[in-house]
Amino acid sequence: MKLRFIAVALIASAGSQVALAETVVVSGTAEGASRSDAVAKAQVTLESNCSKNYKGQPVAGSFKVTFEKPLSNGKHYVDATMSCNTP
């Protein structure tokens, strides 16, 4: 009787698995000749991290520059974040 109950429970749990997706926030930095270059590099880096490292898709409109600073060498530095939907 116990074995039958365990078998039924296993079959029921196997059939009711829900695909669990998760949203993670990836962050990164970049430098560029101008602010727009630095922002573009940061966005490309975060999109690449999302797809390669997390096997996910970037969430549209989630890219944000969280910090920016002009550097003494004439370049610009940015920190940025992006949400990534993972499987």
PDB file of N, CA and C in Angstrom:
ATOM      1  N   MET A   1       0.824  -1.192   0.000  1.00  0.00           N
ATOM      2  CA  MET A   1       0.000   0.000   0.000  1.00  0.00           C
ATOM      3  C   MET A   1       0.871   1.260   0.000  1.00  0.00           C
ATOM      4  N   LYS A   2       1.934   1.263   0.820  1.00  0.00           N
ATOM      5  CA  LYS A   2       2.821   2.410   0.877  1.00  0.00           C
ATOM      6  C   LYS A   2       3.492   2.644  -0.475  1.00  0.00           C
ATOM      7  N   LEU A   3       3.900   1.560  -1.113  1.00  0.00           N
ATOM      8  CA  LEU A   3       4.572   1.660  -2.397  1.00  0.00           C
ATOM      9  C   LEU A   3       3.646   2.250  -3.457  1.00  0.00           C
ATOM     10  N   ARG A   4       2.382   1.857  -3.435  1.00  0.00           N
ATOM     11  CA  ARG A   4       1.411   2.383  -4.394  1.00  0.00           C
ATOM     12  C   ARG A   4       1.222   3.888  -4.165  1.00  0.00           C
ATOM     13  N   PHE A   5       1.138   4.309  -2.919  1.00  0.00           N
ATOM     14  CA  PHE A   5       0.981   5.725  -2.592  1.00  0.00           C
ATOM     15  C   PHE A   5       2.186   6.525  -3.094  1.00  0.00           C
ATOM     16  N   ILE A   6       3.390   5.997  -2.890  1.00  0.00           N
ATOM     17  CA  ILE A   6       4.604   6.677  -3.340  1.00  0.00           C
ATOM     18  C   ILE A   6       4.619   6.781  -4.864  1.00  0.00           C
ATOM     19  N   ALA A   7       4.231   5.708  -5.541  1.00  0.00           N
ATOM     20  CA  ALA A   7       4.203   5.715  -7.004  1.00  0.00           C
ATOM     21  C   ALA A   7       3.212   6.749  -7.526  1.00  0.00           C
ATOM     22  N   VAL A   8       2.035   6.814  -6.929  1.00  0.00           N
ATOM     23  CA  VAL A   8       1.025   7.791  -7.350  1.00  0.00           C
ATOM     24  C   VAL A   8       1.526   9.212  -7.083  1.00  0.00           C
ATOM     25  N   ALA A   9       2.160   9.428  -5.952  1.00  0.00           N
ATOM     26  CA  ALA A   9       2.684  10.750  -5.610  1.00  0.00           C
ATOM     27  C   ALA A   9       3.772  11.178  -6.594  1.00  0.00           C
ATOM     28  N   LEU A  10       4.643  10.264  -6.971  1.00  0.00           N
ATOM     29  CA  LEU A  10       5.701  10.588  -7.926  1.00  0.00           C
ATOM     30  C   LEU A  10       5.138  10.926  -9.298  1.00  0.00           C
ATOM     31  N   ILE A  11       4.162  10.161  -9.742  1.00  0.00           N
ATOM     32  CA  ILE A  11       3.543  10.418 -11.041  1.00  0.00           C
ATOM     33  C   ILE A  11       2.830  11.768 -11.026  1.00  0.00           C
ATOM     34  N   ALA A  12       2.129  12.059  -9.953  1.00  0.00           N
ATOM     35  CA  ALA A  12       1.407  13.330  -9.846  1.00  0.00           C
ATOM     36  C   ALA A  12       2.371  14.511  -9.830  1.00  0.00           C
ATOM     37  N   SER A  13       3.473  14.376  -9.105  1.00  0.00           N
ATOM     38  CA  SER A  13       4.417  15.492  -9.040  1.00  0.00           C
ATOM     39  C   SER A  13       5.157  15.674 -10.357  1.00  0.00           C
ATOM     40  N   ALA A  14       5.418  14.604 -11.078  1.00  0.00           N
ATOM     41  CA  ALA A  14       6.099  14.715 -12.370  1.00  0.00           C
ATOM     42  C   ALA A  14       5.206  15.404 -13.392  1.00  0.00           C
ATOM     43  N   GLY A  15       3.936  15.159 -13.343  1.00  0.00           N
ATOM     44  CA  GLY A  15       3.012  15.756 -14.299  1.00  0.00           C
ATOM     45  C   GLY A  15       2.648  17.183 -13.981  1.00  0.00           C
ATOM     46  N   SER A  16       2.928  17.631 -12.776  1.00  0.00           N
ATOM     47  CA  SER A  16       2.501  18.976 -12.400  1.00  0.00           C
ATOM     48  C   SER A  16       3.660  19.954 -12.267  1.00  0.00           C
ATOM     49  N   GLN A  17       4.806  19.624 -12.840  1.00  0.00           N
ATOM     50  CA  GLN A  17       5.929  20.553 -12.751  1.00  0.00           C
ATOM     51  C   GLN A  17       5.637  21.789 -13.586  1.00  0.00           C
ATOM     52  N   VAL A  18       5.877  22.911 -13.003  1.00  0.00           N
ATOM     53  CA  VAL A  18       5.660  24.186 -13.671  1.00  0.00           C
ATOM     54  C   VAL A  18       7.024  24.729 -14.073  1.00  0.00           C
ATOM     55  N   ALA A  19       7.096  25.264 -15.269  1.00  0.00           N
ATOM     56  CA  ALA A  19       8.351  25.873 -15.701  1.00  0.00           C
ATOM     57  C   ALA A  19       8.603  27.107 -14.843  1.00  0.00           C
ATOM     58  N   LEU A  20       9.701  27.092 -14.138  1.00  0.00           N
ATOM     59  CA  LEU A  20      10.017  28.196 -13.241  1.00  0.00           C
ATOM     60  C   LEU A  20      10.977  29.156 -13.936  1.00  0.00           C
ATOM     61  N   ALA A  21      10.510  30.325 -14.235  1.00  0.00           N
ATOM     62  CA  ALA A  21      11.359  31.359 -14.823  1.00  0.00           C
ATOM     63  C   ALA A  21      11.720  32.348 -13.727  1.00  0.00           C
ATOM     64  N   GLU A  22      12.852  32.977 -13.896  1.00  0.00           N
ATOM     65  CA  GLU A  22      13.314  33.920 -12.895  1.00  0.00           C
ATOM     66  C   GLU A  22      13.825  35.165 -13.610  1.00  0.00           C
ATOM     67  N   THR A  23      13.662  36.289 -12.977  1.00  0.00           N
ATOM     68  CA  THR A  23      14.231  37.521 -13.505  1.00  0.00           C
ATOM     69  C   THR A  23      15.400  37.901 -12.612  1.00  0.00           C
ATOM     70  N   VAL A  24      16.563  38.068 -13.228  1.00  0.00           N
ATOM     71  CA  VAL A  24      17.752  38.476 -12.489  1.00  0.00           C
ATOM     72  C   VAL A  24      18.172  39.853 -12.981  1.00  0.00           C
ATOM     73  N   VAL A  25      18.886  40.567 -12.138  1.00  0.00           N
ATOM     74  CA  VAL A  25      19.410  41.877 -12.521  1.00  0.00           C
ATOM     75  C   VAL A  25      20.911  41.722 -12.725  1.00  0.00           C
ATOM     76  N   VAL A  26      21.364  42.023 -13.929  1.00  0.00           N
ATOM     77  CA  VAL A  26      22.790  41.976 -14.226  1.00  0.00           C
ATOM     78  C   VAL A  26      23.323  43.403 -14.205  1.00  0.00           C
ATOM     79  N   SER A  27      24.571  43.543 -13.810  1.00  0.00           N
ATOM     80  CA  SER A  27      25.169  44.876 -13.758  1.00  0.00           C
ATOM     81  C   SER A  27      26.546  44.835 -14.399  1.00  0.00           C
ATOM     82  N   GLY A  28      26.997  45.985 -14.847  1.00  0.00           N
ATOM     83  CA  GLY A  28      28.303  46.061 -15.477  1.00  0.00           C
ATOM     84  C   GLY A  28      28.761  47.495 -15.628  1.00  0.00           C
ATOM     85  N   THR A  29      29.986  47.640 -16.104  1.00  0.00           N
ATOM     86  CA  THR A  29      30.582  48.955 -16.291  1.00  0.00           C
ATOM     87  C   THR A  29      31.161  49.051 -17.695  1.00  0.00           C
ATOM     88  N   ALA A  30      31.395  50.269 -18.138  1.00  0.00           N
ATOM     89  CA  ALA A  30      32.039  50.481 -19.436  1.00  0.00           C
ATOM     90  C   ALA A  30      32.658  51.868 -19.481  1.00  0.00           C
ATOM     91  N   GLU A  31      33.671  51.992 -20.320  1.00  0.00           N
ATOM     92  CA  GLU A  31      34.291  53.279 -20.625  1.00  0.00           C
ATOM     93  C   GLU A  31      34.166  53.525 -22.114  1.00  0.00           C
ATOM     94  N   GLY A  32      34.024  54.777 -22.474  1.00  0.00           N
ATOM     95  CA  GLY A  32      33.953  55.122 -23.886  1.00  0.00           C
ATOM     96  C   GLY A  32      34.479  56.517 -24.137  1.00  0.00           C
ATOM     97  N   ALA A  33      34.715  56.823 -25.406  1.00  0.00           N
ATOM     98  CA  ALA A  33      35.218  58.144 -25.786  1.00  0.00           C
ATOM     99  C   ALA A  33      34.219  59.240 -25.442  1.00  0.00           C
ATOM    100  N   SER A  34      32.934  58.894 -25.459  1.00  0.00           N
ATOM    101  CA  SER A  34      31.879  59.838 -25.077  1.00  0.00           C
ATOM    102  C   SER A  34      30.901  59.104 -24.160  1.00  0.00           C
ATOM    103  N   ARG A  35      29.986  59.861 -23.580  1.00  0.00           N
ATOM    104  CA  ARG A  35      28.982  59.230 -22.718  1.00  0.00           C
ATOM    105  C   ARG A  35      28.169  58.219 -23.514  1.00  0.00           C
ATOM    106  N   SER A  36      27.759  58.595 -24.713  1.00  0.00           N
ATOM    107  CA  SER A  36      26.928  57.689 -25.514  1.00  0.00           C
ATOM    108  C   SER A  36      27.690  56.424 -25.903  1.00  0.00           C
ATOM    109  N   ASP A  37      28.996  56.535 -26.154  1.00  0.00           N
ATOM    110  CA  ASP A  37      29.806  55.343 -26.439  1.00  0.00           C
ATOM    111  C   ASP A  37      29.864  54.422 -25.222  1.00  0.00           C
ATOM    112  N   ALA A  38      30.069  55.005 -24.052  1.00  0.00           N
ATOM    113  CA  ALA A  38      30.140  54.206 -22.825  1.00  0.00           C
ATOM    114  C   ALA A  38      28.809  53.520 -22.545  1.00  0.00           C
ATOM    115  N   VAL A  39      27.706  54.240 -22.729  1.00  0.00           N
ATOM    116  CA  VAL A  39      26.374  53.665 -22.504  1.00  0.00           C
ATOM    117  C   VAL A  39      26.123  52.525 -23.486  1.00  0.00           C
ATOM    118  N   ALA A  40      26.473  52.731 -24.752  1.00  0.00           N
ATOM    119  CA  ALA A  40      26.270  51.688 -25.766  1.00  0.00           C
ATOM    120  C   ALA A  40      27.092  50.443 -25.441  1.00  0.00           C
ATOM    121  N   LYS A  41      28.346  50.627 -25.019  1.00  0.00           N
ATOM    122  CA  LYS A  41      29.194  49.484 -24.656  1.00  0.00           C
ATOM    123  C   LYS A  41      28.618  48.741 -23.461  1.00  0.00           C
ATOM    124  N   ALA A  42      28.145  49.486 -22.462  1.00  0.00           N
ATOM    125  CA  ALA A  42      27.563  48.846 -21.281  1.00  0.00           C
ATOM    126  C   ALA A  42      26.328  48.038 -21.659  1.00  0.00           C
ATOM    127  N   GLN A  43      25.490  48.580 -22.519  1.00  0.00           N
ATOM    128  CA  GLN A  43      24.270  47.874 -22.915  1.00  0.00           C
ATOM    129  C   GLN A  43      24.602  46.594 -23.679  1.00  0.00           C
ATOM    130  N   VAL A  44      25.550  46.664 -24.597  1.00  0.00           N
ATOM    131  CA  VAL A  44      25.957  45.471 -25.352  1.00  0.00           C
ATOM    132  C   VAL A  44      26.522  44.414 -24.403  1.00  0.00           C
ATOM    133  N   THR A  45      27.341  44.836 -23.449  1.00  0.00           N
ATOM    134  CA  THR A  45      27.929  43.906 -22.484  1.00  0.00           C
ATOM    135  C   THR A  45      26.860  43.225 -21.647  1.00  0.00           C
ATOM    136  N   LEU A  46      25.893  43.988 -21.156  1.00  0.00           N
ATOM    137  CA  LEU A  46      24.840  43.407 -20.322  1.00  0.00           C
ATOM    138  C   LEU A  46      23.943  42.473 -21.125  1.00  0.00           C
ATOM    139  N   GLU A  47      23.613  42.835 -22.347  1.00  0.00           N
ATOM    140  CA  GLU A  47      22.803  41.950 -23.194  1.00  0.00           C
ATOM    141  C   GLU A  47      23.542  40.645 -23.464  1.00  0.00           C
ATOM    142  N   SER A  48      24.842  40.739 -23.691  1.00  0.00           N
ATOM    143  CA  SER A  48      25.658  39.551 -23.927  1.00  0.00           C
ATOM    144  C   SER A  48      25.719  38.675 -22.675  1.00  0.00           C
ATOM    145  N   ASN A  49      25.920  39.297 -21.512  1.00  0.00           N
ATOM    146  CA  ASN A  49      25.941  38.535 -20.254  1.00  0.00           C
ATOM    147  C   ASN A  49      24.619  37.826 -20.027  1.00  0.00           C
ATOM    148  N   CYS A  50      23.529  38.504 -20.315  1.00  0.00           N
ATOM    149  CA  CYS A  50      22.198  37.923 -20.125  1.00  0.00           C
ATOM    150  C   CYS A  50      22.031  36.679 -20.991  1.00  0.00           C
ATOM    151  N   SER A  51      22.379  36.791 -22.267  1.00  0.00           N
ATOM    152  CA  SER A  51      22.150  35.659 -23.173  1.00  0.00           C
ATOM    153  C   SER A  51      23.188  34.554 -23.016  1.00  0.00           C
ATOM    154  N   LYS A  52      24.445  34.898 -22.810  1.00  0.00           N
ATOM    155  CA  LYS A  52      25.492  33.872 -22.724  1.00  0.00           C
ATOM    156  C   LYS A  52      25.606  33.254 -21.334  1.00  0.00           C
ATOM    157  N   ASN A  53      25.670  34.080 -20.297  1.00  0.00           N
ATOM    158  CA  ASN A  53      25.888  33.564 -18.942  1.00  0.00           C
ATOM    159  C   ASN A  53      24.624  33.035 -18.288  1.00  0.00           C
ATOM    160  N   TYR A  54      23.487  33.653 -18.589  1.00  0.00           N
ATOM    161  CA  TYR A  54      22.232  33.262 -17.943  1.00  0.00           C
ATOM    162  C   TYR A  54      21.283  32.533 -18.887  1.00  0.00           C
ATOM    163  N   LYS A  55      21.642  32.444 -20.176  1.00  0.00           N
ATOM    164  CA  LYS A  55      20.787  31.804 -21.193  1.00  0.00           C
ATOM    165  C   LYS A  55      19.401  32.442 -21.212  1.00  0.00           C
ATOM    166  N   GLY A  56      19.366  33.752 -21.018  1.00  0.00           N
ATOM    167  CA  GLY A  56      18.090  34.457 -20.920  1.00  0.00           C
ATOM    168  C   GLY A  56      17.904  35.514 -21.983  1.00  0.00           C
ATOM    169  N   GLN A  57      16.860  36.301 -21.795  1.00  0.00           N
ATOM    170  CA  GLN A  57      16.511  37.397 -22.696  1.00  0.00           C
ATOM    171  C   GLN A  57      16.433  38.689 -21.889  1.00  0.00           C
ATOM    172  N   PRO A  58      17.032  39.776 -22.382  1.00  0.00           N
ATOM    173  CA  PRO A  58      16.910  41.054 -21.686  1.00  0.00           C
ATOM    174  C   PRO A  58      15.445  41.504 -21.635  1.00  0.00           C
ATOM    175  N   VAL A  59      15.061  42.101 -20.530  1.00  0.00           N
ATOM    176  CA  VAL A  59      13.715  42.660 -20.395  1.00  0.00           C
ATOM    177  C   VAL A  59      13.714  44.019 -21.091  1.00  0.00           C
ATOM    178  N   ALA A  60      12.807  44.187 -22.039  1.00  0.00           N
ATOM    179  CA  ALA A  60      12.737  45.434 -22.810  1.00  0.00           C
ATOM    180  C   ALA A  60      12.556  46.638 -21.886  1.00  0.00           C
ATOM    181  N   GLY A  61      13.341  47.658 -22.118  1.00  0.00           N
ATOM    182  CA  GLY A  61      13.217  48.895 -21.352  1.00  0.00           C
ATOM    183  C   GLY A  61      13.821  48.860 -19.960  1.00  0.00           C
ATOM    184  N   SER A  62      14.527  47.773 -19.600  1.00  0.00           N
ATOM    185  CA  SER A  62      15.048  47.658 -18.234  1.00  0.00           C
ATOM    186  C   SER A  62      16.473  48.191 -18.084  1.00  0.00           C
ATOM    187  N   PHE A  63      17.144  48.523 -19.172  1.00  0.00           N
ATOM    188  CA  PHE A  63      18.514  49.033 -19.093  1.00  0.00           C
ATOM    189  C   PHE A  63      18.513  50.405 -18.435  1.00  0.00           C
ATOM    190  N   LYS A  64      19.372  50.570 -17.409  1.00  0.00           N
ATOM    191  CA  LYS A  64      19.470  51.854 -16.701  1.00  0.00           C
ATOM    192  C   LYS A  64      20.921  52.163 -16.386  1.00  0.00           C
ATOM    193  N   VAL A  65      21.312  53.392 -16.617  1.00  0.00           N
ATOM    194  CA  VAL A  65      22.620  53.865 -16.171  1.00  0.00           C
ATOM    195  C   VAL A  65      22.450  54.279 -14.719  1.00  0.00           C
ATOM    196  N   THR A  66      23.241  53.676 -13.829  1.00  0.00           N
ATOM    197  CA  THR A  66      23.102  53.957 -12.399  1.00  0.00           C
ATOM    198  C   THR A  66      24.151  54.938 -11.881  1.00  0.00           C
ATOM    199  N   PHE A  67      25.232  55.102 -12.643  1.00  0.00           N
ATOM    200  CA  PHE A  67      26.284  56.038 -12.242  1.00  0.00           C
ATOM    201  C   PHE A  67      27.067  56.406 -13.494  1.00  0.00           C
ATOM    202  N   GLU A  68      27.465  57.645 -13.585  1.00  0.00           N
ATOM    203  CA  GLU A  68      28.313  58.063 -14.706  1.00  0.00           C
ATOM    204  C   GLU A  68      29.280  59.127 -14.241  1.00  0.00           C
ATOM    205  N   LYS A  69      30.452  59.127 -14.889  1.00  0.00           N
ATOM    206  CA  LYS A  69      31.476  60.082 -14.481  1.00  0.00           C
ATOM    207  C   LYS A  69      32.417  60.350 -15.652  1.00  0.00           C
ATOM    208  N   PRO A  70      32.640  61.624 -15.970  1.00  0.00           N
ATOM    209  CA  PRO A  70      33.678  61.941 -16.948  1.00  0.00           C
ATOM    210  C   PRO A  70      35.046  61.689 -16.293  1.00  0.00           C
ATOM    211  N   LEU A  71      35.948  61.079 -17.030  1.00  0.00           N
ATOM    212  CA  LEU A  71      37.272  60.767 -16.490  1.00  0.00           C
ATOM    213  C   LEU A  71      38.282  61.842 -16.884  1.00  0.00           C
ATOM    214  N   SER A  72      39.382  61.895 -16.156  1.00  0.00           N
ATOM    215  CA  SER A  72      40.400  62.918 -16.412  1.00  0.00           C
ATOM    216  C   SER A  72      41.090  62.731 -17.764  1.00  0.00           C
ATOM    217  N   ASN A  73      41.021  61.538 -18.335  1.00  0.00           N
ATOM    218  CA  ASN A  73      41.646  61.286 -19.635  1.00  0.00           C
ATOM    219  C   ASN A  73      40.712  61.617 -20.803  1.00  0.00           C
ATOM    220  N   GLY A  74      39.572  62.251 -20.519  1.00  0.00           N
ATOM    221  CA  GLY A  74      38.628  62.645 -21.557  1.00  0.00           C
ATOM    222  C   GLY A  74      37.569  61.605 -21.870  1.00  0.00           C
ATOM    223  N   LYS A  75      37.722  60.402 -21.321  1.00  0.00           N
ATOM    224  CA  LYS A  75      36.729  59.356 -21.552  1.00  0.00           C
ATOM    225  C   LYS A  75      35.603  59.467 -20.529  1.00  0.00           C
ATOM    226  N   HIS A  76      34.593  58.651 -20.717  1.00  0.00           N
ATOM    227  CA  HIS A  76      33.457  58.613 -19.796  1.00  0.00           C
ATOM    228  C   HIS A  76      33.312  57.202 -19.242  1.00  0.00           C
ATOM    229  N   TYR A  77      32.876  57.124 -18.000  1.00  0.00           N
ATOM    230  CA  TYR A  77      32.693  55.860 -17.294  1.00  0.00           C
ATOM    231  C   TYR A  77      31.230  55.753 -16.888  1.00  0.00           C
ATOM    232  N   VAL A  78      30.626  54.563 -17.051  1.00  0.00           N
ATOM    233  CA  VAL A  78      29.248  54.350 -16.599  1.00  0.00           C
ATOM    234  C   VAL A  78      29.119  52.999 -15.902  1.00  0.00           C
ATOM    235  N   ASP A  79      28.255  52.960 -14.909  1.00  0.00           N
ATOM    236  CA  ASP A  79      27.755  51.724 -14.306  1.00  0.00           C
ATOM    237  C   ASP A  79      26.328  51.588 -14.807  1.00  0.00           C
ATOM    238  N   ALA A  80      25.897  50.351 -15.067  1.00  0.00           N
ATOM    239  CA  ALA A  80      24.539  50.152 -15.572  1.00  0.00           C
ATOM    240  C   ALA A  80      23.978  48.823 -15.085  1.00  0.00           C
ATOM    241  N   THR A  81      22.648  48.718 -15.119  1.00  0.00           N
ATOM    242  CA  THR A  81      21.959  47.476 -14.772  1.00  0.00           C
ATOM    243  C   THR A  81      20.922  47.160 -15.844  1.00  0.00           C
ATOM    244  N   MET A  82      20.528  45.888 -15.871  1.00  0.00           N
ATOM    245  CA  MET A  82      19.503  45.435 -16.808  1.00  0.00           C
ATOM    246  C   MET A  82      18.856  44.189 -16.224  1.00  0.00           C
ATOM    247  N   SER A  83      17.550  44.072 -16.383  1.00  0.00           N
ATOM    248  CA  SER A  83      16.849  42.861 -15.958  1.00  0.00           C
ATOM    249  C   SER A  83      16.931  41.827 -17.072  1.00  0.00           C
ATOM    250  N   CYS A  84      17.004  40.563 -16.650  1.00  0.00           N
ATOM    251  CA  CYS A  84      17.178  39.464 -17.597  1.00  0.00           C
ATOM    252  C   CYS A  84      16.235  38.328 -17.201  1.00  0.00           C
ATOM    253  N   ASN A  85      15.337  37.946 -18.112  1.00  0.00           N
ATOM    254  CA  ASN A  85      14.457  36.798 -17.866  1.00  0.00           C
ATOM    255  C   ASN A  85      15.222  35.524 -18.183  1.00  0.00           C
ATOM    256  N   THR A  86      15.329  34.640 -17.201  1.00  0.00           N
ATOM    257  CA  THR A  86      16.060  33.389 -17.386  1.00  0.00           C
ATOM    258  C   THR A  86      15.094  32.215 -17.414  1.00  0.00           C
ATOM    259  N   PRO A  87      15.495  31.149 -18.108  1.00  0.00           N
ATOM    260  CA  PRO A  87      14.608  29.972 -18.171  1.00  0.00           C
ATOM    261  C   PRO A  87      14.542  29.221 -16.852  1.00  0.00           C
TER     262      PRO A  87
END
